[in-house]
Protein backbone atom coordinates (compact mmCIF):
# COMPACT_ATOMS: atom_id res chain seq x y z
CA MET A 1 -0.15 -0.21 0.02
CA ALA A 2 1.34 3.54 -0.99
CA ASP A 3 2.73 5.67 2.12
CA GLY A 4 -0.58 8.18 1.45
CA ALA A 5 -3.04 5.46 2.60
CA ALA A 6 -1.91 5.31 6.00
CA THR A 7 -2.69 9.24 6.49
CA GLY A 8 -6.12 9.06 4.93
CA LYS A 9 -4.68 10.67 1.93
CA THR A 10 -4.60 8.47 -1.48
CA ALA A 11 -0.92 8.40 -3.13
CA GLN A 12 -1.11 10.24 -6.59
CA PRO A 13 1.28 8.26 -9.32
CA VAL A 14 2.86 10.97 -11.09
CA PHE A 15 2.19 10.52 -14.48
CA GLY A 16 4.73 12.91 -16.04
CA PHE A 17 2.67 13.67 -19.01
CA ASP A 18 4.41 15.38 -22.16
CA ASN A 19 1.58 15.74 -24.37
CA SER A 20 2.72 16.31 -27.91
CA TYR A 21 -0.07 15.75 -29.95
CA ALA A 22 -1.97 18.59 -28.49
CA ARG A 23 0.87 20.64 -28.03
CA ASP A 24 2.34 20.55 -31.58
CA LEU A 25 -0.60 19.46 -34.53
CA PRO A 26 -3.05 22.62 -32.95
CA GLY A 27 -6.35 22.29 -34.80
CA PHE A 28 -5.89 18.39 -35.08
CA SER A 29 -8.18 17.63 -32.29
CA VAL A 30 -11.02 19.31 -29.74
CA PRO A 31 -10.30 19.92 -26.26
CA TRP A 32 -12.82 18.20 -24.44
CA THR A 33 -13.91 16.78 -20.84
CA ALA A 34 -15.27 13.38 -20.13
CA ALA A 35 -19.18 12.52 -19.07
CA GLN A 36 -19.42 12.16 -15.23
CA VAL A 37 -20.45 8.77 -14.10
CA PRO A 38 -22.25 8.25 -10.83
CA ALA A 39 -20.32 5.42 -9.49
CA PRO A 40 -16.70 4.31 -10.69
CA ARG A 41 -15.50 1.46 -9.57
CA LEU A 42 -11.88 -0.16 -10.70
CA VAL A 43 -13.30 -3.94 -12.24
CA ARG A 44 -9.28 -4.58 -13.55
CA LEU A 45 -6.17 -2.71 -13.30
CA ASN A 46 -3.24 -4.17 -15.59
CA ARG A 47 -0.55 -3.80 -12.83
CA ALA A 48 2.25 -5.28 -15.26
CA LEU A 49 1.38 -2.21 -17.75
CA ALA A 50 1.21 0.08 -15.00
CA GLU A 51 4.94 -0.64 -13.99
CA GLU A 52 5.58 -0.54 -17.60
CA LEU A 53 4.88 2.98 -17.97
CA ARG A 54 6.47 3.67 -14.87
CA LEU A 55 3.51 4.21 -12.84
CA ASP A 56 2.41 3.32 -9.06
CA PRO A 57 -0.17 0.38 -9.65
CA ASP A 58 -1.21 0.73 -6.06
CA ALA A 59 -1.77 4.02 -5.68
CA LEU A 60 -3.74 3.51 -9.34
CA SER A 61 -6.32 0.98 -7.49
CA GLY A 62 -7.67 3.78 -4.83
CA PRO A 63 -10.30 6.35 -5.85
CA ASP A 64 -8.29 8.34 -7.50
CA GLY A 65 -7.79 5.74 -10.16
CA ALA A 66 -11.27 4.83 -10.45
CA ALA A 67 -12.23 8.51 -10.78
CA TRP A 68 -9.27 9.14 -13.63
CA PHE A 69 -10.11 5.70 -15.75
CA SER A 70 -13.71 6.47 -15.55
CA GLY A 71 -13.24 10.53 -16.44
CA ASN A 72 -14.97 11.84 -13.75
CA ALA A 73 -11.40 13.52 -12.85
CA ALA A 74 -8.64 14.65 -15.22
CA PRO A 75 -5.28 12.98 -14.00
CA PRO A 76 -2.52 15.39 -12.94
CA GLY A 77 -1.23 17.00 -16.22
CA ALA A 78 -3.58 15.38 -18.95
CA THR A 79 -4.96 17.59 -21.32
CA PRO A 80 -7.93 15.66 -22.31
CA ILE A 81 -8.55 15.77 -26.76
CA ALA A 82 -10.94 13.89 -28.92
CA GLN A 83 -8.66 13.39 -32.12
CA ALA A 84 -9.94 14.21 -35.44
CA TYR A 85 -9.65 11.48 -38.64
CA ALA A 86 -11.88 10.53 -41.18
CA GLY A 87 -12.22 6.85 -42.48
CA HIS A 88 -13.28 4.61 -45.28
CA GLN A 89 -15.62 1.98 -43.43
CA PHE A 90 -16.70 -0.95 -45.24
CA GLY A 91 -15.54 0.85 -48.74
CA GLY A 92 -17.42 4.01 -48.10
CA PHE A 93 -16.22 7.16 -46.93
CA SER A 94 -16.80 9.45 -44.38
CA PRO A 95 -14.87 12.71 -44.37
CA GLN A 96 -15.51 13.22 -40.53
CA LEU A 97 -15.43 10.32 -37.88
CA GLY A 98 -13.32 11.39 -34.82
CA ASP A 99 -12.98 10.45 -31.49
CA GLY A 100 -17.22 9.68 -30.62
CA ARG A 101 -16.25 7.90 -27.49
CA ALA A 102 -12.89 8.26 -26.90
CA LEU A 103 -10.56 10.88 -25.45
CA LEU A 104 -6.67 10.87 -25.00
CA LEU A 105 -5.69 11.93 -21.89
CA GLY A 106 -2.17 12.54 -23.00
CA GLU A 107 1.02 10.85 -23.74
CA VAL A 108 4.26 9.15 -21.25
CA ILE A 109 7.49 8.01 -21.91
CA ASP A 110 7.23 4.19 -20.68
CA ARG A 111 10.43 2.56 -18.83
CA ASN A 112 12.01 1.60 -22.47
CA GLY A 113 12.11 5.28 -23.26
CA GLN A 114 9.00 4.86 -25.56
CA ARG A 115 6.06 7.47 -25.87
CA ARG A 116 2.87 5.86 -25.38
CA ASP A 117 -0.74 7.54 -25.40
CA ILE A 118 -3.29 7.18 -22.29
CA ALA A 119 -6.73 7.43 -23.43
CA LEU A 120 -9.94 6.29 -22.70
CA LYS A 121 -12.72 4.92 -24.58
CA GLY A 122 -16.21 4.69 -23.31
CA SER A 123 -15.90 8.29 -21.58
CA GLY A 124 -19.07 9.92 -22.88
CA PRO A 125 -20.30 12.15 -26.59
CA THR A 126 -17.76 14.43 -28.22
CA PRO A 127 -18.33 17.09 -30.90
CA PHE A 128 -17.15 14.10 -33.28
CA SER A 129 -20.08 11.49 -31.53
CA ARG A 130 -22.57 11.87 -34.75
CA ARG A 131 -26.04 11.39 -32.12
CA GLY A 132 -24.13 8.46 -30.23
CA ASP A 133 -24.35 8.22 -26.50
CA GLY A 134 -20.16 7.97 -26.53
CA LYS A 135 -20.37 5.27 -23.82
CA ALA A 136 -19.26 1.83 -23.59
CA ALA A 137 -20.79 -1.10 -22.08
CA LEU A 138 -18.77 -3.70 -19.72
CA GLY A 139 -18.88 -6.82 -22.21
CA PRO A 140 -16.69 -4.94 -24.94
CA VAL A 141 -14.73 -3.35 -22.95
CA LEU A 142 -13.66 -6.40 -20.93
CA ARG A 143 -13.31 -8.30 -24.73
CA GLU A 144 -11.03 -5.24 -25.69
CA TYR A 145 -9.07 -5.83 -22.51
CA LEU A 146 -8.67 -9.76 -23.15
CA MET A 147 -8.06 -9.48 -26.75
CA GLY A 148 -5.22 -7.23 -26.71
CA GLU A 149 -3.63 -9.08 -23.46
CA ALA A 150 -3.80 -11.98 -25.66
CA MET A 151 -2.18 -10.82 -28.81
CA HIS A 152 0.75 -9.12 -26.72
CA ALA A 153 1.41 -12.90 -24.91
CA LEU A 154 1.25 -13.96 -29.32
CA GLY A 155 4.04 -11.75 -29.50
CA ILE A 156 1.74 -9.56 -32.09
CA PRO A 157 2.01 -5.78 -31.78
CA THR A 158 -1.29 -4.52 -30.34
CA THR A 159 -2.67 -1.48 -28.02
CA ARG A 160 -2.96 -2.66 -24.64
CA ALA A 161 -5.63 -1.89 -21.81
CA LEU A 162 -4.52 -0.52 -18.67
CA ALA A 163 -7.63 -0.52 -16.78
CA ALA A 164 -11.56 -1.45 -16.89
CA VAL A 165 -13.89 0.86 -14.73
CA ALA A 166 -17.40 0.11 -14.40
CA THR A 167 -19.31 3.23 -14.32
CA GLY A 168 -22.57 2.49 -12.17
CA GLU A 169 -25.03 3.04 -14.87
CA GLU A 170 -26.64 1.76 -17.52
CA VAL A 171 -25.89 2.39 -21.39
CA PHE A 172 -28.78 1.05 -23.61
CA ARG A 173 -27.97 -1.05 -26.58
CA GLU A 174 -30.39 -3.84 -27.81
CA ALA A 175 -31.05 -3.99 -23.90
CA PRO A 176 -29.66 -2.36 -21.03
CA LEU A 177 -26.43 -3.06 -20.04
CA PRO A 178 -23.88 -2.18 -16.91
CA GLY A 179 -21.58 0.87 -18.55
CA ALA A 180 -17.71 0.55 -18.45
CA VAL A 181 -14.36 2.54 -19.57
CA LEU A 182 -11.65 1.39 -21.25
CA THR A 183 -8.18 2.62 -20.62
CA ARG A 184 -6.32 2.09 -23.71
CA VAL A 185 -2.13 2.55 -24.12
CA ALA A 186 -1.33 2.76 -27.77
CA ALA A 187 1.94 3.85 -29.07
CA SER A 188 0.11 6.20 -30.71
CA HIS A 189 -3.74 7.09 -31.99
CA ILE A 190 -2.79 8.21 -35.31
CA ARG A 191 -4.58 6.56 -38.30
CA VAL A 192 -4.66 6.38 -41.88
CA GLY A 193 -8.22 8.25 -41.03
CA THR A 194 -6.11 10.99 -39.63
CA PHE A 195 -4.01 11.89 -43.08
CA GLN A 196 -7.51 10.99 -44.59
CA PHE A 197 -9.36 14.03 -42.64
CA PHE A 198 -6.77 16.73 -43.84
CA SER A 199 -6.61 15.52 -47.48
CA ALA A 200 -9.92 15.37 -47.90
CA ARG A 201 -10.43 19.14 -46.86
CA GLY A 202 -7.60 19.95 -48.99
CA GLU A 203 -5.08 21.38 -45.76
CA ALA A 204 -1.94 21.19 -47.21
CA ASP A 205 -0.15 22.73 -44.67
CA LYS A 206 -1.81 20.31 -42.00
CA LEU A 207 -0.88 17.21 -43.75
CA ARG A 208 2.61 17.99 -43.95
CA GLN A 209 2.55 18.70 -39.89
CA LEU A 210 1.27 15.32 -39.75
CA THR A 211 3.48 13.82 -41.59
CA ALA A 212 6.75 15.49 -39.82
CA TYR A 213 5.07 14.47 -36.67
CA THR A 214 4.58 10.79 -37.77
CA VAL A 215 7.91 10.41 -38.53
CA ALA A 216 9.43 11.91 -35.43
CA ARG A 217 7.33 9.80 -33.25
CA HIS A 218 7.29 6.66 -35.19
CA TYR A 219 9.98 6.48 -37.70
CA PRO A 220 13.01 8.97 -36.69
CA GLU A 221 15.57 6.99 -39.11
CA LEU A 222 13.65 9.13 -41.56
CA GLU A 223 14.24 12.83 -42.54
CA PRO A 224 11.22 14.74 -41.16
CA GLY A 225 9.11 15.40 -44.60
CA ASP A 226 10.16 12.01 -45.98
CA ALA A 227 6.59 10.91 -47.52
CA ALA A 228 7.97 8.09 -49.67
CA GLY A 229 9.60 7.00 -46.83
CA LEU A 230 6.67 7.08 -44.33
CA LEU A 231 4.46 5.26 -46.44
CA ALA A 232 6.98 2.39 -47.37
CA ALA A 233 7.86 1.87 -43.92
CA VAL A 234 4.02 2.19 -42.70
CA ALA A 235 3.18 -0.63 -45.89
CA GLY A 236 6.32 -2.77 -44.31
CA ARG A 237 4.98 -2.80 -40.71
CA GLN A 238 1.45 -3.22 -41.63
CA ALA A 239 2.14 -6.06 -43.95
CA ARG A 240 4.56 -7.57 -41.20
CA LEU A 241 1.45 -7.07 -38.91
CA ILE A 242 -1.18 -8.94 -40.75
CA ALA A 243 0.95 -11.78 -41.45
CA GLN A 244 1.37 -12.20 -37.71
CA TRP A 245 -2.59 -11.69 -37.49
CA MET A 246 -3.09 -14.37 -40.47
CA LEU A 247 -0.61 -17.06 -38.54
CA ALA A 248 -2.75 -16.64 -35.09
CA GLY A 249 -6.14 -17.13 -36.91
CA PHE A 250 -6.83 -13.62 -35.73
CA ILE A 251 -9.79 -11.76 -37.35
CA HIS A 252 -10.16 -8.40 -36.91
CA GLY A 253 -13.91 -7.67 -38.35
CA VAL A 254 -13.74 -4.27 -39.04
CA MET A 255 -10.36 -3.38 -41.26
CA ASN A 256 -11.79 0.04 -41.97
CA THR A 257 -9.00 3.32 -42.53
CA ASP A 258 -9.92 4.56 -39.04
CA ASN A 259 -8.71 1.42 -37.58
CA MET A 260 -5.59 0.93 -39.11
CA ALA A 261 -2.61 2.92 -37.11
CA LEU A 262 0.46 4.22 -38.87
CA SER A 263 2.42 3.06 -35.85
CA GLY A 264 1.87 -0.86 -36.68
CA GLU A 265 -0.18 -1.78 -34.12
CA THR A 266 -3.35 -3.60 -33.67
CA ILE A 267 -6.24 -1.32 -33.14
CA ASP A 268 -9.75 -1.17 -31.92
CA TYR A 269 -11.07 -4.94 -30.85
CA GLY A 270 -14.72 -4.32 -31.55
CA PRO A 271 -16.13 -7.60 -33.33
CA CYS A 272 -13.16 -9.59 -33.47
CA ALA A 273 -12.72 -13.50 -32.91
CA PHE A 274 -10.26 -16.01 -33.36
CA MET A 275 -10.74 -18.83 -36.01
CA GLY A 276 -11.58 -22.24 -35.10
CA ALA A 277 -11.69 -24.54 -38.17
CA TYR A 278 -9.93 -23.18 -40.69
CA ASP A 279 -11.72 -21.88 -43.79
CA PRO A 280 -10.72 -18.76 -45.51
CA ALA A 281 -13.94 -17.40 -45.56
CA THR A 282 -14.21 -16.90 -41.86
CA VAL A 283 -16.23 -14.25 -40.98
CA PHE A 284 -17.93 -13.57 -37.02
CA SER A 285 -18.52 -9.86 -37.31
CA SER A 286 -22.47 -9.33 -37.74
CA ILE A 287 -21.91 -6.20 -39.62
CA ASP A 288 -19.94 -7.59 -42.27
CA GLN A 289 -22.53 -9.09 -44.37
CA THR A 290 -20.24 -9.26 -47.93
CA GLY A 291 -17.27 -11.17 -45.98
CA ARG A 292 -14.96 -8.25 -46.67
CA TYR A 293 -12.89 -8.35 -43.92
CA ALA A 294 -12.91 -12.24 -44.15
CA TRP A 295 -9.99 -13.82 -42.55
CA GLY A 296 -8.25 -14.81 -46.03
CA ASN A 297 -9.07 -10.94 -47.41
CA GLN A 298 -7.09 -9.33 -44.52
CA PRO A 299 -3.83 -9.15 -46.41
CA VAL A 300 -5.44 -7.34 -49.54
CA ILE A 301 -7.55 -5.42 -47.53
CA GLY A 302 -4.49 -4.02 -45.67
CA GLN A 303 -2.95 -3.21 -49.24
CA TRP A 304 -6.08 -1.49 -49.88
CA ASN A 305 -5.87 0.34 -46.65
CA VAL A 306 -1.80 1.42 -47.58
CA ALA A 307 -3.34 2.91 -51.03
CA ARG A 308 -5.74 5.56 -49.45
CA LEU A 309 -2.63 6.58 -47.14
CA ALA A 310 -0.81 6.92 -50.45
CA GLU A 311 -3.52 9.17 -52.02
CA THR A 312 -3.14 11.62 -49.11
CA LEU A 313 0.93 11.37 -49.67
CA LEU A 314 0.81 12.41 -53.47
CA PRO A 315 1.57 15.94 -53.55
CA GLN A 316 4.39 15.52 -50.64
CA ILE A 317 5.81 12.70 -52.49
CA ASP A 318 6.43 14.44 -55.75
CA ALA A 319 5.44 17.55 -57.14
CA ASP A 320 4.94 15.32 -60.22
CA ASN A 321 1.29 13.81 -60.10
CA ASP A 322 2.30 10.70 -62.24
CA ARG A 323 6.00 10.13 -60.60
CA ALA A 324 4.19 10.62 -57.44
CA VAL A 325 1.73 7.98 -58.29
CA GLN A 326 4.55 5.50 -59.44
CA ARG A 327 6.67 5.88 -56.42
CA ALA A 328 3.63 4.97 -54.35
CA THR A 329 2.70 2.03 -56.73
CA ASP A 330 5.87 0.46 -56.13
CA VAL A 331 5.36 0.77 -52.49
CA LEU A 332 2.12 -1.07 -53.23
CA ARG A 333 3.56 -3.84 -54.58
CA GLY A 334 6.66 -3.94 -52.40
CA TYR A 335 3.71 -4.29 -49.35
CA MET A 336 2.51 -7.61 -50.97
CA THR A 337 6.29 -8.72 -51.41
CA GLU A 338 6.72 -8.08 -47.63
CA TYR A 339 3.56 -9.93 -46.74
CA GLU A 340 4.28 -12.87 -48.55
CA ALA A 341 7.79 -12.89 -46.98
CA ALA A 342 6.37 -13.25 -43.48
CA TRP A 343 3.55 -15.13 -44.29
CA LEU A 344 6.49 -17.80 -45.95
CA ALA A 345 8.49 -17.64 -42.77
CA GLY A 346 6.09 -17.66 -40.18
CA LEU A 347 4.57 -20.87 -41.98
CA ARG A 348 8.27 -22.13 -42.05
CA ALA A 349 8.78 -21.87 -38.23
CA ARG A 350 5.12 -23.24 -37.48
CA LEU A 351 6.17 -26.82 -40.14
CA GLY A 352 9.40 -26.75 -38.02
CA LEU A 353 12.04 -26.29 -41.04
CA GLY A 354 15.24 -25.23 -40.40
CA ALA A 355 16.60 -24.71 -43.71
CA THR A 356 14.11 -22.70 -46.72
CA ASP A 357 13.45 -24.83 -49.81
CA ALA A 358 11.62 -23.56 -53.38
CA GLY A 359 9.14 -26.23 -52.57
CA ASP A 360 8.04 -24.94 -49.01
CA ARG A 361 5.16 -22.78 -50.20
CA ALA A 362 4.20 -25.56 -52.22
CA MET A 363 4.23 -27.95 -49.07
CA ALA A 364 2.12 -25.39 -46.77
CA ASP A 365 -0.47 -24.87 -49.52
CA ALA A 366 -1.22 -28.74 -49.50
CA LEU A 367 -1.36 -28.53 -45.76
CA LEU A 368 -3.59 -25.45 -45.76
CA THR A 369 -5.48 -27.51 -48.75
CA GLN A 370 -6.22 -30.82 -46.53
CA MET A 371 -7.18 -28.56 -43.81
CA GLN A 372 -9.54 -26.71 -45.35
CA ALA A 373 -11.31 -29.81 -47.06
CA GLN A 374 -11.41 -31.41 -43.45
CA GLY A 375 -12.20 -28.87 -41.43
CA ALA A 376 -9.38 -29.06 -39.40
CA ASP A 377 -8.66 -26.86 -36.30
CA TRP A 378 -6.20 -24.03 -37.41
CA THR A 379 -4.07 -23.70 -34.05
CA LEU A 380 -4.30 -27.15 -32.76
CA SER A 381 -3.25 -28.54 -36.18
CA PHE A 382 0.05 -26.79 -36.44
CA ARG A 383 0.52 -27.16 -32.77
CA HIS A 384 0.49 -31.09 -32.94
CA LEU A 385 2.45 -30.88 -35.24
CA GLY A 386 5.13 -30.83 -32.47
CA LEU A 387 3.98 -34.35 -31.14
CA ALA A 388 4.21 -35.26 -35.05
CA ALA A 389 7.69 -34.52 -35.03
CA ARG A 390 8.65 -36.96 -32.11
CA GLY A 391 6.84 -39.55 -34.03
CA GLU A 392 2.85 -39.30 -32.01
CA ALA A 393 0.85 -38.11 -34.84
CA THR A 394 -2.02 -39.24 -33.42
CA ALA A 395 -3.54 -35.98 -32.08
CA PHE A 396 -2.35 -34.11 -35.40
CA LEU A 397 -4.09 -36.93 -37.48
CA ALA A 398 -7.40 -36.70 -35.44
CA GLN A 399 -7.71 -33.29 -36.79
CA PHE A 400 -9.13 -34.03 -39.90
CA SER A 401 -12.40 -36.02 -40.67
CA GLU A 402 -10.59 -38.16 -43.27
CA ALA A 403 -7.08 -38.65 -42.35
CA ALA A 404 -6.02 -40.08 -45.93
CA GLY A 405 -5.21 -36.84 -47.36
CA ALA A 406 -3.22 -35.48 -43.84
CA ARG A 407 -1.57 -39.02 -43.29
CA ASP A 408 0.02 -38.35 -46.92
CA TRP A 409 1.08 -34.83 -46.26
CA LEU A 410 2.91 -35.99 -42.72
CA ALA A 411 4.94 -38.44 -44.71
CA ARG A 412 5.88 -35.98 -47.14
CA TRP A 413 6.59 -33.15 -44.24
CA GLN A 414 8.56 -35.90 -42.76
CA ALA A 415 10.85 -37.05 -45.46
CA ARG A 416 11.93 -33.12 -45.67
CA LEU A 417 12.62 -33.39 -42.27
CA ALA A 418 15.13 -36.10 -42.83
CA PHE A 419 16.65 -34.75 -45.97
CA GLU A 420 17.58 -31.50 -44.15
CA ALA A 421 18.79 -33.80 -41.20
CA ARG A 422 16.42 -31.93 -38.70
CA ASP A 423 16.61 -33.07 -35.52
CA PRO A 424 13.06 -34.16 -34.37
CA GLU A 425 13.25 -32.82 -30.93
CA GLU A 426 14.69 -29.48 -32.13
CA ALA A 427 11.36 -29.58 -34.86
CA ALA A 428 8.91 -30.04 -32.08
CA ARG A 429 10.72 -27.31 -29.78
CA GLY A 430 10.75 -25.13 -32.83
CA ILE A 431 7.02 -25.62 -33.71
CA GLU A 432 5.96 -25.05 -30.37
CA ALA A 433 7.43 -21.73 -30.10
CA ALA A 434 5.90 -20.44 -32.99
CA SER A 435 2.54 -22.53 -32.22
CA PRO A 436 0.40 -21.55 -29.84
CA ALA A 437 -1.50 -24.15 -27.71
CA ILE A 438 -4.30 -21.86 -26.04
CA ILE A 439 -5.74 -18.87 -27.93
CA PRO A 440 -9.00 -16.85 -26.97
CA ARG A 441 -11.66 -19.28 -28.20
CA ASN A 442 -14.74 -17.87 -28.59
CA HIS A 443 -16.93 -20.00 -26.77
CA LEU A 444 -15.03 -19.14 -23.56
CA VAL A 445 -14.44 -15.23 -24.18
CA GLU A 446 -18.43 -15.25 -24.27
CA HIS A 447 -18.74 -17.57 -21.41
CA ALA A 448 -15.98 -15.25 -19.27
CA LEU A 449 -17.95 -12.02 -20.45
CA SER A 450 -21.58 -13.47 -19.76
CA ALA A 451 -20.63 -14.28 -16.11
CA ALA A 452 -18.74 -10.60 -15.80
CA VAL A 453 -21.49 -9.06 -17.35
CA GLU A 454 -24.81 -11.24 -16.18
CA SER A 455 -23.78 -12.08 -12.33
CA GLY A 456 -20.59 -10.06 -11.48
CA ASP A 457 -18.56 -12.96 -11.43
CA MET A 458 -15.37 -12.00 -12.76
CA ALA A 459 -13.48 -15.77 -12.00
CA PRO A 460 -14.31 -16.98 -15.47
CA PHE A 461 -12.56 -13.95 -16.79
CA ASP A 462 -9.47 -14.04 -14.72
CA ALA A 463 -9.13 -17.73 -15.38
CA LEU A 464 -9.31 -17.30 -18.86
CA LEU A 465 -6.99 -14.07 -19.00
CA ALA A 466 -4.42 -16.21 -17.22
CA ALA A 467 -4.66 -18.62 -19.98
CA VAL A 468 -4.39 -16.70 -22.85
CA THR A 469 -1.15 -14.87 -22.01
CA ASP A 470 0.72 -17.97 -21.51
CA PRO A 471 -0.09 -19.28 -24.75
CA PHE A 472 2.97 -21.19 -25.57
CA ALA A 473 3.55 -23.43 -22.43
CA ASP A 474 2.26 -26.79 -22.48
CA PRO A 475 -1.45 -26.63 -21.65
CA GLN A 476 -1.20 -29.96 -19.22
CA GLY A 477 -3.63 -29.22 -16.27
CA ARG A 478 -5.31 -26.29 -18.73
CA GLU A 479 -6.76 -28.54 -21.24
CA GLY A 480 -10.01 -26.96 -21.29
CA TYR A 481 -8.41 -23.85 -22.55
CA ALA A 482 -6.83 -25.54 -25.59
CA LEU A 483 -10.00 -27.33 -26.94
CA PRO A 484 -11.88 -26.62 -29.84
CA PRO A 485 -15.42 -25.26 -29.60
CA PRO A 486 -18.42 -27.41 -28.73
CA GLN A 487 -19.32 -28.62 -32.15
CA GLY A 488 -21.47 -25.88 -34.42
CA PHE A 489 -20.73 -23.64 -31.92
CA ASP A 490 -18.57 -21.29 -34.38
CA GLU A 491 -20.83 -21.92 -37.49
CA VAL A 492 -23.34 -19.27 -35.58
CA TYR A 493 -21.28 -17.33 -33.60
CA ARG A 494 -21.36 -13.57 -34.23
CA THR A 495 -19.18 -10.66 -32.49
CA PHE A 496 -20.58 -6.98 -32.51
CA CYS A 497 -19.11 -3.82 -32.08
CA GLY A 498 -19.03 -2.19 -28.71
CA THR A 499 -16.06 -0.36 -27.68
């Protein structure tokens, strides 16, 4: 307990805010104050993340923390703002979106010397709310908390949750739900849509300011005004990020340009989910009626989003529009090359290959063909290859409804390992280091959220959180978290936008 508790005073952590976005980019946001809530209560605090941010988790656990993370009071040194941005949503352009239910409190420098945003989600309406209430419900807040931590544990760049606070009020969606506010930490909240906002208004000076700021913050190896370099760097990070999504079986669900961060982090966990049985057409989002953001479409949508960023940067890339377009086109081709390289490298790791061969892609594709045809589980098929490398193929073959094709593929794969004289135990360890045993299975996520929302029981949430934040360890003793969903569950499962 912090010293201030003994004197009746709540200890205040020193946030040390250095709010460069608000300070250096006037006109890019609106100063705003969060809505007051009746009874803020800290539901969960991410103590490890707090320490990473050089904050005092004990002090944040007290009443000041509940007040700050609910929006009832601004933390010392904060300058709350609602950021402006536009965006393509399911392919249609909206020239003004912005933080309709979020506030950037400020920026801190973490213990690794990295600048991190601290922001509220669900903190009430802003000038960008477009008739919405600006609030969030507890279920979606806890989903984002859980998913961000799971992705972090998988080694995938992501925003993370610092805190979840219940507000003591109801929000109304299809039914009344307990309200909550999420405190999100991000490398920044600069999006493709941030550039689109000022491009749509023809504000060239602001675009140049934004380019220089983004370069300085995220790509300091570039010259301040190097728009072409910025585009290429963003494209590379995005390509590698989406390759990691694909390898994990993660489906973002709403890859709008306002949900693509230029930092290369995963941002905005709304209707997201993880794929069970392998099918590239898998969609869980209730609002994705056409499958635009299906698992298999994510790489090309990432490229499409980078193209929208390119459009905003063309005047800065070259004064001659034709030359600018050509340079941007080259970057977009490079995006797909970067993606394919990252995807294939990830597949090689999951197959336990120690050397490269021209036939690796064909071997991987042959496995994927069998997995799709036989309804094999994405996560378990790769994980159980570790056992197959040790000569125990039963669990791997059990993933396939008709194992003949999988058995033939397995023989081909084992011959490949033998050809490169790969030690079986070394291959198995490599596979298991690259292939998680545990992901946030959809049925377990729903059970945990339902228990928290409907009865206030956080035990299933805490147990699932502990499991998904240790995804690569041997699941012995945690087998229930590694099992596929009950038959038929994923076929009818749907996720919804919430936070």
